[in-house]
């Protein structure tokens, strides 16, 4: 299932890697695409939206509802 999150606080490539790593810890098969300029994170994953959002938030990034 393709899910899109609005994530603020990503300012560099390290931030993108941290978000990608957090998502892939809950779903190693997840495909992650990040558009930092638009604050968008697109995730192809079977995991529930809440689980993915929590993983991003635990890395210290704000996830809009």
Protein backbone atom coordinates (compact mmCIF):
# COMPACT_ATOMS: atom_id res chain seq x y z
CA UNK A 1 0.00 0.00 0.00
CA UNK A 2 1.37 3.41 -0.98
CA UNK A 3 1.23 5.97 1.82
CA UNK A 4 2.30 9.60 1.83
CA UNK A 5 3.39 11.49 4.94
CA UNK A 6 4.10 15.18 5.42
CA UNK A 7 7.26 15.24 7.55
CA UNK A 8 8.87 18.44 8.77
CA UNK A 9 12.34 18.88 10.18
CA UNK A 10 14.29 17.09 7.45
CA UNK A 11 17.10 19.46 6.46
CA UNK A 12 19.80 17.26 4.93
CA UNK A 13 20.70 13.91 3.45
CA UNK A 14 21.40 12.53 6.92
CA UNK A 15 17.81 13.33 7.89
CA UNK A 16 16.54 11.45 4.84
CA UNK A 17 18.65 8.42 5.75
CA UNK A 18 17.42 8.53 9.35
CA UNK A 19 13.77 8.56 8.24
CA UNK A 20 14.39 5.79 5.70
CA UNK A 21 16.20 3.67 8.28
CA UNK A 22 13.40 4.18 10.85
CA UNK A 23 10.77 3.03 8.36
CA UNK A 24 12.82 0.05 7.24
CA UNK A 25 13.31 -1.07 10.85
CA UNK A 26 9.56 -1.69 11.11
CA UNK A 27 9.31 -2.98 7.52
CA UNK A 28 12.59 -4.10 5.91
CA UNK A 29 10.79 -4.51 2.56
CA UNK A 30 9.45 -0.94 2.53
CA UNK A 31 10.27 1.26 -0.45
CA UNK A 32 10.86 4.85 0.63
CA UNK A 33 11.00 7.97 -1.54
CA UNK A 34 11.65 11.36 0.03
CA UNK A 35 11.08 14.81 -1.45
CA UNK A 36 12.74 16.98 1.19
CA UNK A 37 11.84 20.24 -0.60
CA UNK A 38 8.14 19.36 -0.35
CA UNK A 39 8.43 17.67 3.09
CA UNK A 40 6.95 14.50 1.59
CA UNK A 41 7.79 10.91 2.41
CA UNK A 42 6.20 8.24 0.22
CA UNK A 43 6.25 4.71 1.55
CA UNK A 44 5.25 1.48 -0.14
CA UNK A 45 4.54 -0.81 2.79
CA UNK A 46 1.96 -3.20 4.18
CA UNK A 47 2.50 -1.80 7.69
CA UNK A 48 -0.30 0.30 9.24
CA UNK A 49 0.02 4.06 8.75
CA UNK A 50 0.20 4.62 12.53
CA UNK A 51 3.17 2.26 12.86
CA UNK A 52 5.12 4.05 10.14
CA UNK A 53 4.24 7.51 11.49
CA UNK A 54 5.36 6.48 14.99
CA UNK A 55 8.69 5.22 13.62
CA UNK A 56 9.30 8.57 11.89
CA UNK A 57 8.27 10.54 15.00
CA UNK A 58 10.58 8.46 17.21
CA UNK A 59 13.48 9.67 15.04
CA UNK A 60 12.55 13.23 16.06
CA UNK A 61 10.63 14.43 13.01
CA UNK A 62 7.13 15.93 13.04
CA UNK A 63 4.54 13.96 11.08
CA UNK A 64 1.43 15.90 10.06
CA UNK A 65 -1.90 14.10 10.45
